[in-house]
């Protein structure tokens, strides 16, 4: 069965750090465009960060300079390293894998159709 299994997350104080992991089974992560999303209570799911098969990355403005997305192809796993966390980062975080969507007019790219979703993991930033 092809799936993404997340680990990590939890409760952290403001200014702290966390690492989320997302392990793939049944398919090769390197073949896909990957992303991390989050959904806070009462808000829509939003994209946090994306990584293309070639290693190019995107970050939401709200997390630039604080979050790092990367993959370990040998472990077939992707990660989201989060630091300098703030209460506004509190949300359920989801990893995803799918195809790439490209705007040929602007050159912008992102995760298009999602083929696989992780189960979600809670991140709470609070003192």
PDB file of N, CA and C in Angstrom:
ATOM      1  N   UNK A   1       0.839  -1.176   0.000  1.00  0.00           N
ATOM      2  CA  UNK A   1       0.000   0.000   0.000  1.00  0.00           C
ATOM      3  C   UNK A   1       0.886   1.241   0.000  1.00  0.00           C
ATOM      4  N   UNK A   2       0.641   2.162  -0.923  1.00  0.00           N
ATOM      5  CA  UNK A   2       1.423   3.380  -1.005  1.00  0.00           C
ATOM      6  C   UNK A   2       0.866   4.406  -0.034  1.00  0.00           C
ATOM      7  N   UNK A   3       1.753   4.983   0.781  1.00  0.00           N
ATOM      8  CA  UNK A   3       1.289   5.941   1.764  1.00  0.00           C
ATOM      9  C   UNK A   3       2.429   6.808   2.270  1.00  0.00           C
ATOM     10  N   UNK A   4       2.035   7.906   2.911  1.00  0.00           N
ATOM     11  CA  UNK A   4       2.961   8.797   3.612  1.00  0.00           C
ATOM     12  C   UNK A   4       2.637   8.709   5.097  1.00  0.00           C
ATOM     13  N   UNK A   5       3.661   8.503   5.900  1.00  0.00           N
ATOM     14  CA  UNK A   5       3.475   8.402   7.346  1.00  0.00           C
ATOM     15  C   UNK A   5       4.299   9.483   8.024  1.00  0.00           C
ATOM     16  N   UNK A   6       3.617  10.335   8.760  1.00  0.00           N
ATOM     17  CA  UNK A   6       4.259  11.457   9.423  1.00  0.00           C
ATOM     18  C   UNK A   6       4.664  11.112  10.849  1.00  0.00           C
ATOM     19  N   UNK A   7       5.696  11.805  11.318  1.00  0.00           N
ATOM     20  CA  UNK A   7       6.096  11.726  12.716  1.00  0.00           C
ATOM     21  C   UNK A   7       6.680  13.081  13.115  1.00  0.00           C
ATOM     22  N   UNK A   8       6.820  13.260  14.410  1.00  0.00           N
ATOM     23  CA  UNK A   8       7.289  14.535  14.927  1.00  0.00           C
ATOM     24  C   UNK A   8       6.120  15.381  15.378  1.00  0.00           C
ATOM     25  N   UNK A   9       6.368  16.637  15.611  1.00  0.00           N
ATOM     26  CA  UNK A   9       5.328  17.523  16.102  1.00  0.00           C
ATOM     27  C   UNK A   9       5.238  17.484  17.611  1.00  0.00           C
ATOM     28  N   UNK A  10       4.234  18.179  18.138  1.00  0.00           N
ATOM     29  CA  UNK A  10       4.034  18.225  19.571  1.00  0.00           C
ATOM     30  C   UNK A  10       3.953  19.651  20.073  1.00  0.00           C
ATOM     31  N   UNK A  11       4.235  19.803  21.358  1.00  0.00           N
ATOM     32  CA  UNK A  11       4.152  21.104  22.027  1.00  0.00           C
ATOM     33  C   UNK A  11       5.553  21.687  22.186  1.00  0.00           C
ATOM     34  N   UNK A  12       5.696  22.943  21.819  1.00  0.00           N
ATOM     35  CA  UNK A  12       6.992  23.616  21.939  1.00  0.00           C
ATOM     36  C   UNK A  12       6.758  25.051  22.377  1.00  0.00           C
ATOM     37  N   UNK A  13       7.698  25.606  23.098  1.00  0.00           N
ATOM     38  CA  UNK A  13       7.587  26.989  23.547  1.00  0.00           C
ATOM     39  C   UNK A  13       7.956  27.947  22.408  1.00  0.00           C
ATOM     40  N   UNK A  14       7.432  29.146  22.449  1.00  0.00           N
ATOM     41  CA  UNK A  14       7.829  30.150  21.440  1.00  0.00           C
ATOM     42  C   UNK A  14       9.342  30.294  21.382  1.00  0.00           C
ATOM     43  N   UNK A  15       9.853  30.357  20.162  1.00  0.00           N
ATOM     44  CA  UNK A  15      11.290  30.426  19.963  1.00  0.00           C
ATOM     45  C   UNK A  15      11.952  29.076  19.811  1.00  0.00           C
ATOM     46  N   UNK A  16      11.203  28.030  20.051  1.00  0.00           N
ATOM     47  CA  UNK A  16      11.761  26.688  19.974  1.00  0.00           C
ATOM     48  C   UNK A  16      11.795  26.135  18.566  1.00  0.00           C
ATOM     49  N   UNK A  17      12.229  24.887  18.478  1.00  0.00           N
ATOM     50  CA  UNK A  17      12.381  24.220  17.187  1.00  0.00           C
ATOM     51  C   UNK A  17      11.714  22.854  17.202  1.00  0.00           C
ATOM     52  N   UNK A  18      11.300  22.417  16.033  1.00  0.00           N
ATOM     53  CA  UNK A  18      10.742  21.075  15.850  1.00  0.00           C
ATOM     54  C   UNK A  18      11.109  20.585  14.457  1.00  0.00           C
ATOM     55  N   UNK A  19      11.174  19.270  14.313  1.00  0.00           N
ATOM     56  CA  UNK A  19      11.371  18.672  13.003  1.00  0.00           C
ATOM     57  C   UNK A  19      10.246  17.690  12.742  1.00  0.00           C
ATOM     58  N   UNK A  20       9.610  17.858  11.606  1.00  0.00           N
ATOM     59  CA  UNK A  20       8.591  16.917  11.161  1.00  0.00           C
ATOM     60  C   UNK A  20       9.188  15.993  10.105  1.00  0.00           C
ATOM     61  N   UNK A  21       8.786  14.738  10.149  1.00  0.00           N
ATOM     62  CA  UNK A  21       9.240  13.753   9.173  1.00  0.00           C
ATOM     63  C   UNK A  21       8.048  13.192   8.423  1.00  0.00           C
ATOM     64  N   UNK A  22       8.318  12.771   7.196  1.00  0.00           N
ATOM     65  CA  UNK A  22       7.259  12.204   6.360  1.00  0.00           C
ATOM     66  C   UNK A  22       7.894  11.097   5.530  1.00  0.00           C
ATOM     67  N   UNK A  23       7.628   9.862   5.901  1.00  0.00           N
ATOM     68  CA  UNK A  23       8.234   8.706   5.250  1.00  0.00           C
ATOM     69  C   UNK A  23       7.273   8.106   4.235  1.00  0.00           C
ATOM     70  N   UNK A  24       7.808   7.829   3.056  1.00  0.00           N
ATOM     71  CA  UNK A  24       6.996   7.227   2.006  1.00  0.00           C
ATOM     72  C   UNK A  24       7.216   5.734   1.946  1.00  0.00           C
ATOM     73  N   UNK A  25       6.159   5.007   1.665  1.00  0.00           N
ATOM     74  CA  UNK A  25       6.264   3.571   1.401  1.00  0.00           C
ATOM     75  C   UNK A  25       5.416   3.248   0.178  1.00  0.00           C
ATOM     76  N   UNK A  26       5.925   2.329  -0.635  1.00  0.00           N
ATOM     77  CA  UNK A  26       5.191   1.923  -1.825  1.00  0.00           C
ATOM     78  C   UNK A  26       5.450   2.778  -3.052  1.00  0.00           C
ATOM     79  N   UNK A  27       6.203   3.840  -2.906  1.00  0.00           N
ATOM     80  CA  UNK A  27       6.560   4.668  -4.048  1.00  0.00           C
ATOM     81  C   UNK A  27       7.820   5.453  -3.697  1.00  0.00           C
ATOM     82  N   UNK A  28       8.460   6.025  -4.718  1.00  0.00           N
ATOM     83  CA  UNK A  28       9.713   6.739  -4.530  1.00  0.00           C
ATOM     84  C   UNK A  28       9.444   8.239  -4.451  1.00  0.00           C
ATOM     85  N   UNK A  29       9.799   8.820  -3.315  1.00  0.00           N
ATOM     86  CA  UNK A  29       9.542  10.246  -3.115  1.00  0.00           C
ATOM     87  C   UNK A  29      10.226  11.114  -4.163  1.00  0.00           C
ATOM     88  N   UNK A  30      11.396  10.727  -4.591  1.00  0.00           N
ATOM     89  CA  UNK A  30      12.189  11.563  -5.488  1.00  0.00           C
ATOM     90  C   UNK A  30      11.505  11.761  -6.842  1.00  0.00           C
ATOM     91  N   UNK A  31      10.506  10.953  -7.142  1.00  0.00           N
ATOM     92  CA  UNK A  31       9.783  11.078  -8.402  1.00  0.00           C
ATOM     93  C   UNK A  31       8.711  12.155  -8.359  1.00  0.00           C
ATOM     94  N   UNK A  32       8.481  12.721  -7.177  1.00  0.00           N
ATOM     95  CA  UNK A  32       7.355  13.614  -6.968  1.00  0.00           C
ATOM     96  C   UNK A  32       7.789  15.001  -6.500  1.00  0.00           C
ATOM     97  N   UNK A  33       6.923  15.951  -6.749  1.00  0.00           N
ATOM     98  CA  UNK A  33       7.010  17.246  -6.087  1.00  0.00           C
ATOM     99  C   UNK A  33       6.357  17.090  -4.721  1.00  0.00           C
ATOM    100  N   UNK A  34       7.026  17.615  -3.704  1.00  0.00           N
ATOM    101  CA  UNK A  34       6.584  17.400  -2.329  1.00  0.00           C
ATOM    102  C   UNK A  34       6.224  18.721  -1.664  1.00  0.00           C
ATOM    103  N   UNK A  35       5.384  18.613  -0.670  1.00  0.00           N
ATOM    104  CA  UNK A  35       5.020  19.833   0.034  1.00  0.00           C
ATOM    105  C   UNK A  35       4.587  19.582   1.453  1.00  0.00           C
ATOM    106  N   UNK A  36       4.635  20.636   2.237  1.00  0.00           N
ATOM    107  CA  UNK A  36       4.074  20.660   3.587  1.00  0.00           C
ATOM    108  C   UNK A  36       2.980  21.714   3.618  1.00  0.00           C
ATOM    109  N   UNK A  37       1.852  21.339   4.201  1.00  0.00           N
ATOM    110  CA  UNK A  37       0.714  22.230   4.373  1.00  0.00           C
ATOM    111  C   UNK A  37       0.396  22.315   5.848  1.00  0.00           C
ATOM    112  N   UNK A  38      -0.378  23.320   6.222  1.00  0.00           N
ATOM    113  CA  UNK A  38      -0.859  23.394   7.593  1.00  0.00           C
ATOM    114  C   UNK A  38      -2.261  23.965   7.611  1.00  0.00           C
ATOM    115  N   UNK A  39      -2.994  23.588   8.642  1.00  0.00           N
ATOM    116  CA  UNK A  39      -4.351  24.089   8.821  1.00  0.00           C
ATOM    117  C   UNK A  39      -4.574  24.419  10.281  1.00  0.00           C
ATOM    118  N   UNK A  40      -4.799  25.682  10.539  1.00  0.00           N
ATOM    119  CA  UNK A  40      -5.100  26.140  11.894  1.00  0.00           C
ATOM    120  C   UNK A  40      -6.608  26.119  12.102  1.00  0.00           C
ATOM    121  N   UNK A  41      -7.057  26.054  13.341  1.00  0.00           N
ATOM    122  CA  UNK A  41      -8.508  26.030  13.620  1.00  0.00           C
ATOM    123  C   UNK A  41      -9.219  27.224  12.981  1.00  0.00           C
ATOM    124  N   UNK A  42     -10.291  26.930  12.260  1.00  0.00           N
ATOM    125  CA  UNK A  42     -11.077  27.992  11.647  1.00  0.00           C
ATOM    126  C   UNK A  42     -10.477  28.600  10.405  1.00  0.00           C
ATOM    127  N   UNK A  43      -9.385  28.026   9.930  1.00  0.00           N
ATOM    128  CA  UNK A  43      -8.726  28.572   8.744  1.00  0.00           C
ATOM    129  C   UNK A  43      -8.582  27.504   7.672  1.00  0.00           C
ATOM    130  N   UNK A  44      -8.382  27.945   6.450  1.00  0.00           N
ATOM    131  CA  UNK A  44      -8.193  27.007   5.356  1.00  0.00           C
ATOM    132  C   UNK A  44      -6.776  26.442   5.380  1.00  0.00           C
ATOM    133  N   UNK A  45      -6.633  25.254   4.772  1.00  0.00           N
ATOM    134  CA  UNK A  45      -5.308  24.652   4.654  1.00  0.00           C
ATOM    135  C   UNK A  45      -4.460  25.532   3.745  1.00  0.00           C
ATOM    136  N   UNK A  46      -3.223  25.762   4.144  1.00  0.00           N
ATOM    137  CA  UNK A  46      -2.326  26.599   3.351  1.00  0.00           C
ATOM    138  C   UNK A  46      -0.997  25.880   3.119  1.00  0.00           C
ATOM    139  N   UNK A  47      -0.398  26.183   1.991  1.00  0.00           N
ATOM    140  CA  UNK A  47       0.897  25.595   1.693  1.00  0.00           C
ATOM    141  C   UNK A  47       1.969  26.326   2.482  1.00  0.00           C
ATOM    142  N   UNK A  48       2.872  25.571   3.056  1.00  0.00           N
ATOM    143  CA  UNK A  48       3.957  26.119   3.860  1.00  0.00           C
ATOM    144  C   UNK A  48       5.258  26.116   3.068  1.00  0.00           C
ATOM    145  N   UNK A  49       5.532  24.976   2.442  1.00  0.00           N
ATOM    146  CA  UNK A  49       6.790  24.838   1.718  1.00  0.00           C
ATOM    147  C   UNK A  49       6.659  23.718   0.706  1.00  0.00           C
ATOM    148  N   UNK A  50       7.452  23.822  -0.368  1.00  0.00           N
ATOM    149  CA  UNK A  50       7.442  22.813  -1.424  1.00  0.00           C
ATOM    150  C   UNK A  50       8.870  22.546  -1.875  1.00  0.00           C
ATOM    151  N   UNK A  51       9.087  21.325  -2.373  1.00  0.00           N
ATOM    152  CA  UNK A  51      10.389  20.989  -2.916  1.00  0.00           C
ATOM    153  C   UNK A  51      10.192  20.170  -4.177  1.00  0.00           C
ATOM    154  N   UNK A  52      10.885  20.569  -5.235  1.00  0.00           N
ATOM    155  CA  UNK A  52      10.789  19.893  -6.522  1.00  0.00           C
ATOM    156  C   UNK A  52      11.763  18.726  -6.573  1.00  0.00           C
ATOM    157  N   UNK A  53      11.569  17.816  -7.520  1.00  0.00           N
ATOM    158  CA  UNK A  53      12.496  16.687  -7.625  1.00  0.00           C
ATOM    159  C   UNK A  53      13.951  17.119  -7.792  1.00  0.00           C
ATOM    160  N   UNK A  54      14.185  18.240  -8.430  1.00  0.00           N
ATOM    161  CA  UNK A  54      15.553  18.716  -8.610  1.00  0.00           C
ATOM    162  C   UNK A  54      16.126  19.442  -7.418  1.00  0.00           C
ATOM    163  N   UNK A  55      15.283  19.678  -6.413  1.00  0.00           N
ATOM    164  CA  UNK A  55      15.755  20.311  -5.186  1.00  0.00           C
ATOM    165  C   UNK A  55      15.354  21.762  -5.005  1.00  0.00           C
ATOM    166  N   UNK A  56      14.762  22.377  -6.024  1.00  0.00           N
ATOM    167  CA  UNK A  56      14.296  23.753  -5.855  1.00  0.00           C
ATOM    168  C   UNK A  56      13.208  23.796  -4.793  1.00  0.00           C
ATOM    169  N   UNK A  57      13.155  24.911  -4.067  1.00  0.00           N
ATOM    170  CA  UNK A  57      12.209  25.023  -2.961  1.00  0.00           C
ATOM    171  C   UNK A  57      11.394  26.308  -3.032  1.00  0.00           C
ATOM    172  N   UNK A  58      10.229  26.241  -2.433  1.00  0.00           N
ATOM    173  CA  UNK A  58       9.359  27.405  -2.221  1.00  0.00           C
ATOM    174  C   UNK A  58       9.004  27.470  -0.752  1.00  0.00           C
ATOM    175  N   UNK A  59       8.814  28.698  -0.258  1.00  0.00           N
ATOM    176  CA  UNK A  59       8.382  28.893   1.113  1.00  0.00           C
ATOM    177  C   UNK A  59       7.322  29.989   1.163  1.00  0.00           C
ATOM    178  N   UNK A  60       6.340  29.796   2.022  1.00  0.00           N
ATOM    179  CA  UNK A  60       5.388  30.860   2.292  1.00  0.00           C
ATOM    180  C   UNK A  60       6.134  32.008   2.969  1.00  0.00           C
ATOM    181  N   UNK A  61       5.702  33.222   2.706  1.00  0.00           N
ATOM    182  CA  UNK A  61       6.380  34.390   3.287  1.00  0.00           C
ATOM    183  C   UNK A  61       6.431  34.306   4.811  1.00  0.00           C
ATOM    184  N   UNK A  62       5.403  33.730   5.403  1.00  0.00           N
ATOM    185  CA  UNK A  62       5.317  33.688   6.859  1.00  0.00           C
ATOM    186  C   UNK A  62       6.353  32.783   7.504  1.00  0.00           C
ATOM    187  N   UNK A  63       6.984  31.894   6.719  1.00  0.00           N
ATOM    188  CA  UNK A  63       7.945  30.952   7.303  1.00  0.00           C
ATOM    189  C   UNK A  63       9.342  31.096   6.712  1.00  0.00           C
ATOM    190  N   UNK A  64       9.521  31.975   5.736  1.00  0.00           N
ATOM    191  CA  UNK A  64      10.837  32.147   5.123  1.00  0.00           C
ATOM    192  C   UNK A  64      11.882  32.506   6.166  1.00  0.00           C
ATOM    193  N   UNK A  65      13.015  31.832   6.064  1.00  0.00           N
ATOM    194  CA  UNK A  65      14.092  32.089   7.002  1.00  0.00           C
ATOM    195  C   UNK A  65      13.967  31.318   8.304  1.00  0.00           C
ATOM    196  N   UNK A  66      12.817  30.692   8.536  1.00  0.00           N
ATOM    197  CA  UNK A  66      12.611  29.940   9.777  1.00  0.00           C
ATOM    198  C   UNK A  66      12.423  28.457   9.525  1.00  0.00           C
ATOM    199  N   UNK A  67      11.869  28.108   8.375  1.00  0.00           N
ATOM    200  CA  UNK A  67      11.599  26.719   8.048  1.00  0.00           C
ATOM    201  C   UNK A  67      12.556  26.252   6.943  1.00  0.00           C
ATOM    202  N   UNK A  68      12.844  24.953   6.954  1.00  0.00           N
ATOM    203  CA  UNK A  68      13.678  24.347   5.922  1.00  0.00           C
ATOM    204  C   UNK A  68      13.055  23.025   5.501  1.00  0.00           C
ATOM    205  N   UNK A  69      12.798  22.879   4.217  1.00  0.00           N
ATOM    206  CA  UNK A  69      12.279  21.624   3.684  1.00  0.00           C
ATOM    207  C   UNK A  69      13.422  20.888   3.001  1.00  0.00           C
ATOM    208  N   UNK A  70      13.521  19.604   3.230  1.00  0.00           N
ATOM    209  CA  UNK A  70      14.541  18.813   2.562  1.00  0.00           C
ATOM    210  C   UNK A  70      14.114  17.362   2.527  1.00  0.00           C
ATOM    211  N   UNK A  71      14.791  16.612   1.690  1.00  0.00           N
ATOM    212  CA  UNK A  71      14.470  15.198   1.554  1.00  0.00           C
ATOM    213  C   UNK A  71      15.739  14.377   1.692  1.00  0.00           C
ATOM    214  N   UNK A  72      15.577  13.153   2.152  1.00  0.00           N
ATOM    215  CA  UNK A  72      16.658  12.175   2.211  1.00  0.00           C
ATOM    216  C   UNK A  72      16.226  11.018   1.314  1.00  0.00           C
ATOM    217  N   UNK A  73      16.757  10.982   0.119  1.00  0.00           N
ATOM    218  CA  UNK A  73      16.318   9.963  -0.833  1.00  0.00           C
ATOM    219  C   UNK A  73      16.688   8.556  -0.385  1.00  0.00           C
ATOM    220  N   UNK A  74      17.790   8.422   0.319  1.00  0.00           N
ATOM    221  CA  UNK A  74      18.191   7.096   0.797  1.00  0.00           C
ATOM    222  C   UNK A  74      17.169   6.534   1.787  1.00  0.00           C
ATOM    223  N   UNK A  75      16.541   7.431   2.537  1.00  0.00           N
ATOM    224  CA  UNK A  75      15.535   7.003   3.512  1.00  0.00           C
ATOM    225  C   UNK A  75      14.118   7.145   2.964  1.00  0.00           C
ATOM    226  N   UNK A  76      14.006   7.676   1.737  1.00  0.00           N
ATOM    227  CA  UNK A  76      12.689   7.890   1.134  1.00  0.00           C
ATOM    228  C   UNK A  76      11.796   8.717   2.066  1.00  0.00           C
ATOM    229  N   UNK A  77      12.395   9.749   2.626  1.00  0.00           N
ATOM    230  CA  UNK A  77      11.732  10.555   3.648  1.00  0.00           C
ATOM    231  C   UNK A  77      11.973  12.032   3.385  1.00  0.00           C
ATOM    232  N   UNK A  78      10.969  12.851   3.665  1.00  0.00           N
ATOM    233  CA  UNK A  78      11.155  14.285   3.597  1.00  0.00           C
ATOM    234  C   UNK A  78      10.934  14.876   4.986  1.00  0.00           C
ATOM    235  N   UNK A  79      11.460  16.083   5.172  1.00  0.00           N
ATOM    236  CA  UNK A  79      11.456  16.694   6.482  1.00  0.00           C
ATOM    237  C   UNK A  79      11.058  18.167   6.394  1.00  0.00           C
ATOM    238  N   UNK A  80      10.586  18.662   7.518  1.00  0.00           N
ATOM    239  CA  UNK A  80      10.376  20.088   7.672  1.00  0.00           C
ATOM    240  C   UNK A  80      11.014  20.485   8.996  1.00  0.00           C
ATOM    241  N   UNK A  81      12.125  21.199   8.895  1.00  0.00           N
ATOM    242  CA  UNK A  81      12.808  21.700  10.086  1.00  0.00           C
ATOM    243  C   UNK A  81      12.253  23.083  10.384  1.00  0.00           C
ATOM    244  N   UNK A  82      11.710  23.262  11.578  1.00  0.00           N
ATOM    245  CA  UNK A  82      11.092  24.527  11.958  1.00  0.00           C
ATOM    246  C   UNK A  82      11.845  25.108  13.147  1.00  0.00           C
ATOM    247  N   UNK A  83      12.167  26.378  13.074  1.00  0.00           N
ATOM    248  CA  UNK A  83      12.844  27.046  14.184  1.00  0.00           C
ATOM    249  C   UNK A  83      12.214  28.415  14.405  1.00  0.00           C
ATOM    250  N   UNK A  84      12.591  29.026  15.512  1.00  0.00           N
ATOM    251  CA  UNK A  84      12.024  30.339  15.878  1.00  0.00           C
ATOM    252  C   UNK A  84      10.502  30.309  15.791  1.00  0.00           C
ATOM    253  N   UNK A  85       9.936  29.251  16.344  1.00  0.00           N
ATOM    254  CA  UNK A  85       8.491  29.066  16.235  1.00  0.00           C
ATOM    255  C   UNK A  85       7.733  30.121  17.026  1.00  0.00           C
ATOM    256  N   UNK A  86       6.594  30.498  16.499  1.00  0.00           N
ATOM    257  CA  UNK A  86       5.725  31.499  17.109  1.00  0.00           C
ATOM    258  C   UNK A  86       4.332  30.891  17.270  1.00  0.00           C
ATOM    259  N   UNK A  87       3.520  31.445  18.163  1.00  0.00           N
ATOM    260  CA  UNK A  87       2.171  30.869  18.367  1.00  0.00           C
ATOM    261  C   UNK A  87       1.355  30.760  17.077  1.00  0.00           C
ATOM    262  N   UNK A  88       1.581  31.663  16.141  1.00  0.00           N
ATOM    263  CA  UNK A  88       0.845  31.623  14.879  1.00  0.00           C
ATOM    264  C   UNK A  88       1.193  30.412  14.015  1.00  0.00           C
ATOM    265  N   UNK A  89       2.242  29.704  14.376  1.00  0.00           N
ATOM    266  CA  UNK A  89       2.604  28.477  13.654  1.00  0.00           C
ATOM    267  C   UNK A  89       1.786  27.285  14.115  1.00  0.00           C
ATOM    268  N   UNK A  90       1.020  27.457  15.154  1.00  0.00           N
ATOM    269  CA  UNK A  90       0.190  26.373  15.676  1.00  0.00           C
ATOM    270  C   UNK A  90      -0.826  25.926  14.639  1.00  0.00           C
ATOM    271  N   UNK A  91      -0.800  24.631  14.327  1.00  0.00           N
ATOM    272  CA  UNK A  91      -1.687  24.085  13.299  1.00  0.00           C
ATOM    273  C   UNK A  91      -1.467  22.584  13.215  1.00  0.00           C
ATOM    274  N   UNK A  92      -2.328  21.929  12.445  1.00  0.00           N
ATOM    275  CA  UNK A  92      -2.063  20.558  12.033  1.00  0.00           C
ATOM    276  C   UNK A  92      -1.282  20.631  10.723  1.00  0.00           C
ATOM    277  N   UNK A  93      -0.165  19.951  10.697  1.00  0.00           N
ATOM    278  CA  UNK A  93       0.706  19.963   9.531  1.00  0.00           C
ATOM    279  C   UNK A  93       0.545  18.664   8.746  1.00  0.00           C
ATOM    280  N   UNK A  94       0.497  18.802   7.428  1.00  0.00           N
ATOM    281  CA  UNK A  94       0.333  17.667   6.535  1.00  0.00           C
ATOM    282  C   UNK A  94       1.443  17.660   5.493  1.00  0.00           C
ATOM    283  N   UNK A  95       1.984  16.486   5.206  1.00  0.00           N
ATOM    284  CA  UNK A  95       2.883  16.371   4.073  1.00  0.00           C
ATOM    285  C   UNK A  95       2.099  15.842   2.868  1.00  0.00           C
ATOM    286  N   UNK A  96       2.636  16.098   1.693  1.00  0.00           N
ATOM    287  CA  UNK A  96       1.930  15.709   0.475  1.00  0.00           C
ATOM    288  C   UNK A  96       2.927  15.455  -0.647  1.00  0.00           C
ATOM    289  N   UNK A  97       2.528  14.596  -1.571  1.00  0.00           N
ATOM    290  CA  UNK A  97       3.340  14.294  -2.749  1.00  0.00           C
ATOM    291  C   UNK A  97       2.431  14.280  -3.973  1.00  0.00           C
ATOM    292  N   UNK A  98       2.906  14.865  -5.055  1.00  0.00           N
ATOM    293  CA  UNK A  98       2.091  14.905  -6.257  1.00  0.00           C
ATOM    294  C   UNK A  98       2.878  15.383  -7.452  1.00  0.00           C
ATOM    295  N   UNK A  99       2.146  15.857  -8.464  1.00  0.00           N
ATOM    296  CA  UNK A  99       2.843  16.354  -9.645  1.00  0.00           C
ATOM    297  C   UNK A  99       3.115  17.849  -9.506  1.00  0.00           C
ATOM    298  N   UNK A 100       3.881  18.349 -10.443  1.00  0.00           N
ATOM    299  CA  UNK A 100       4.243  19.763 -10.413  1.00  0.00           C
ATOM    300  C   UNK A 100       3.308  20.564 -11.302  1.00  0.00           C
ATOM    301  N   UNK A 101       2.898  21.691 -10.802  1.00  0.00           N
ATOM    302  CA  UNK A 101       2.110  22.646 -11.584  1.00  0.00           C
ATOM    303  C   UNK A 101       3.011  23.827 -11.921  1.00  0.00           C
ATOM    304  N   UNK A 102       3.058  24.217 -13.198  1.00  0.00           N
ATOM    305  CA  UNK A 102       3.945  25.297 -13.625  1.00  0.00           C
ATOM    306  C   UNK A 102       3.150  26.387 -14.334  1.00  0.00           C
ATOM    307  N   UNK A 103       3.399  27.631 -13.956  1.00  0.00           N
ATOM    308  CA  UNK A 103       2.856  28.781 -14.673  1.00  0.00           C
ATOM    309  C   UNK A 103       3.921  29.208 -15.681  1.00  0.00           C
ATOM    310  N   UNK A 104       3.694  28.903 -16.954  1.00  0.00           N
ATOM    311  CA  UNK A 104       4.709  29.153 -17.965  1.00  0.00           C
ATOM    312  C   UNK A 104       4.858  30.636 -18.302  1.00  0.00           C
ATOM    313  N   UNK A 105       3.916  31.438 -17.849  1.00  0.00           N
ATOM    314  CA  UNK A 105       4.042  32.876 -18.071  1.00  0.00           C
ATOM    315  C   UNK A 105       4.987  33.499 -17.051  1.00  0.00           C
ATOM    316  N   UNK A 106       4.909  33.040 -15.804  1.00  0.00           N
ATOM    317  CA  UNK A 106       5.715  33.643 -14.738  1.00  0.00           C
ATOM    318  C   UNK A 106       6.906  32.788 -14.335  1.00  0.00           C
ATOM    319  N   UNK A 107       6.868  31.511 -14.717  1.00  0.00           N
ATOM    320  CA  UNK A 107       7.931  30.601 -14.291  1.00  0.00           C
ATOM    321  C   UNK A 107       7.717  30.039 -12.909  1.00  0.00           C
ATOM    322  N   UNK A 108       6.622  30.439 -12.272  1.00  0.00           N
ATOM    323  CA  UNK A 108       6.363  29.927 -10.926  1.00  0.00           C
ATOM    324  C   UNK A 108       5.891  28.480 -11.006  1.00  0.00           C
ATOM    325  N   UNK A 109       6.231  27.724 -10.004  1.00  0.00           N
ATOM    326  CA  UNK A 109       5.839  26.312  -9.942  1.00  0.00           C
ATOM    327  C   UNK A 109       5.345  26.002  -8.548  1.00  0.00           C
ATOM    328  N   UNK A 110       4.707  24.873  -8.427  1.00  0.00           N
ATOM    329  CA  UNK A 110       4.237  24.428  -7.126  1.00  0.00           C
ATOM    330  C   UNK A 110       3.681  23.026  -7.217  1.00  0.00           C
ATOM    331  N   UNK A 111       3.235  22.538  -6.103  1.00  0.00           N
ATOM    332  CA  UNK A 111       2.619  21.218  -6.047  1.00  0.00           C
ATOM    333  C   UNK A 111       1.238  21.321  -6.679  1.00  0.00           C
ATOM    334  N   UNK A 112       0.987  20.479  -7.677  1.00  0.00           N
ATOM    335  CA  UNK A 112      -0.301  20.492  -8.354  1.00  0.00           C
ATOM    336  C   UNK A 112      -1.242  19.482  -7.738  1.00  0.00           C
ATOM    337  N   UNK A 113      -1.625  18.488  -8.540  1.00  0.00           N
ATOM    338  CA  UNK A 113      -2.518  17.448  -8.030  1.00  0.00           C
ATOM    339  C   UNK A 113      -1.778  16.592  -7.005  1.00  0.00           C
ATOM    340  N   UNK A 114      -2.383  16.468  -5.826  1.00  0.00           N
ATOM    341  CA  UNK A 114      -1.769  15.679  -4.764  1.00  0.00           C
ATOM    342  C   UNK A 114      -2.209  14.225  -4.883  1.00  0.00           C
ATOM    343  N   UNK A 115      -1.227  13.346  -4.987  1.00  0.00           N
ATOM    344  CA  UNK A 115      -1.522  11.920  -5.076  1.00  0.00           C
ATOM    345  C   UNK A 115      -1.563  11.254  -3.701  1.00  0.00           C
ATOM    346  N   UNK A 116      -0.748  11.785  -2.789  1.00  0.00           N
ATOM    347  CA  UNK A 116      -0.651  11.186  -1.456  1.00  0.00           C
ATOM    348  C   UNK A 116      -0.623  12.292  -0.397  1.00  0.00           C
ATOM    349  N   UNK A 117      -1.362  12.038   0.681  1.00  0.00           N
ATOM    350  CA  UNK A 117      -1.362  12.919   1.849  1.00  0.00           C
ATOM    351  C   UNK A 117      -0.891  12.142   3.064  1.00  0.00           C
ATOM    352  N   UNK A 118      -0.127  12.822   3.922  1.00  0.00           N
ATOM    353  CA  UNK A 118       0.167  12.259   5.217  1.00  0.00           C
ATOM    354  C   UNK A 118      -1.054  12.379   6.117  1.00  0.00           C
ATOM    355  N   UNK A 119      -0.970  11.744   7.288  1.00  0.00           N
ATOM    356  CA  UNK A 119      -2.131  11.691   8.182  1.00  0.00           C
ATOM    357  C   UNK A 119      -2.312  12.962   9.007  1.00  0.00           C
ATOM    358  N   UNK A 120      -1.308  13.831   9.003  1.00  0.00           N
ATOM    359  CA  UNK A 120      -1.388  15.064   9.772  1.00  0.00           C
ATOM    360  C   UNK A 120      -0.779  14.896  11.150  1.00  0.00           C
ATOM    361  N   UNK A 121      -0.159  15.969  11.627  1.00  0.00           N
ATOM    362  CA  UNK A 121       0.415  15.960  12.962  1.00  0.00           C
ATOM    363  C   UNK A 121       0.260  17.343  13.581  1.00  0.00           C
ATOM    364  N   UNK A 122      -0.077  17.377  14.854  1.00  0.00           N
ATOM    365  CA  UNK A 122      -0.339  18.637  15.538  1.00  0.00           C
ATOM    366  C   UNK A 122       0.967  19.281  15.984  1.00  0.00           C
ATOM    367  N   UNK A 123       1.093  20.562  15.696  1.00  0.00           N
ATOM    368  CA  UNK A 123       2.174  21.391  16.218  1.00  0.00           C
ATOM    369  C   UNK A 123       1.533  22.515  17.021  1.00  0.00           C
ATOM    370  N   UNK A 124       1.905  22.604  18.276  1.00  0.00           N
ATOM    371  CA  UNK A 124       1.367  23.646  19.154  1.00  0.00           C
ATOM    372  C   UNK A 124       2.512  24.451  19.732  1.00  0.00           C
ATOM    373  N   UNK A 125       2.461  25.751  19.498  1.00  0.00           N
ATOM    374  CA  UNK A 125       3.493  26.658  20.007  1.00  0.00           C
ATOM    375  C   UNK A 125       2.860  27.497  21.105  1.00  0.00           C
ATOM    376  N   UNK A 126       3.280  27.239  22.335  1.00  0.00           N
ATOM    377  CA  UNK A 126       2.649  27.910  23.463  1.00  0.00           C
ATOM    378  C   UNK A 126       3.578  27.873  24.657  1.00  0.00           C
ATOM    379  N   UNK A 127       3.500  28.902  25.478  1.00  0.00           N
ATOM    380  CA  UNK A 127       4.276  28.921  26.708  1.00  0.00           C
ATOM    381  C   UNK A 127       3.437  28.385  27.863  1.00  0.00           C
TER     382      UNK A 127
END
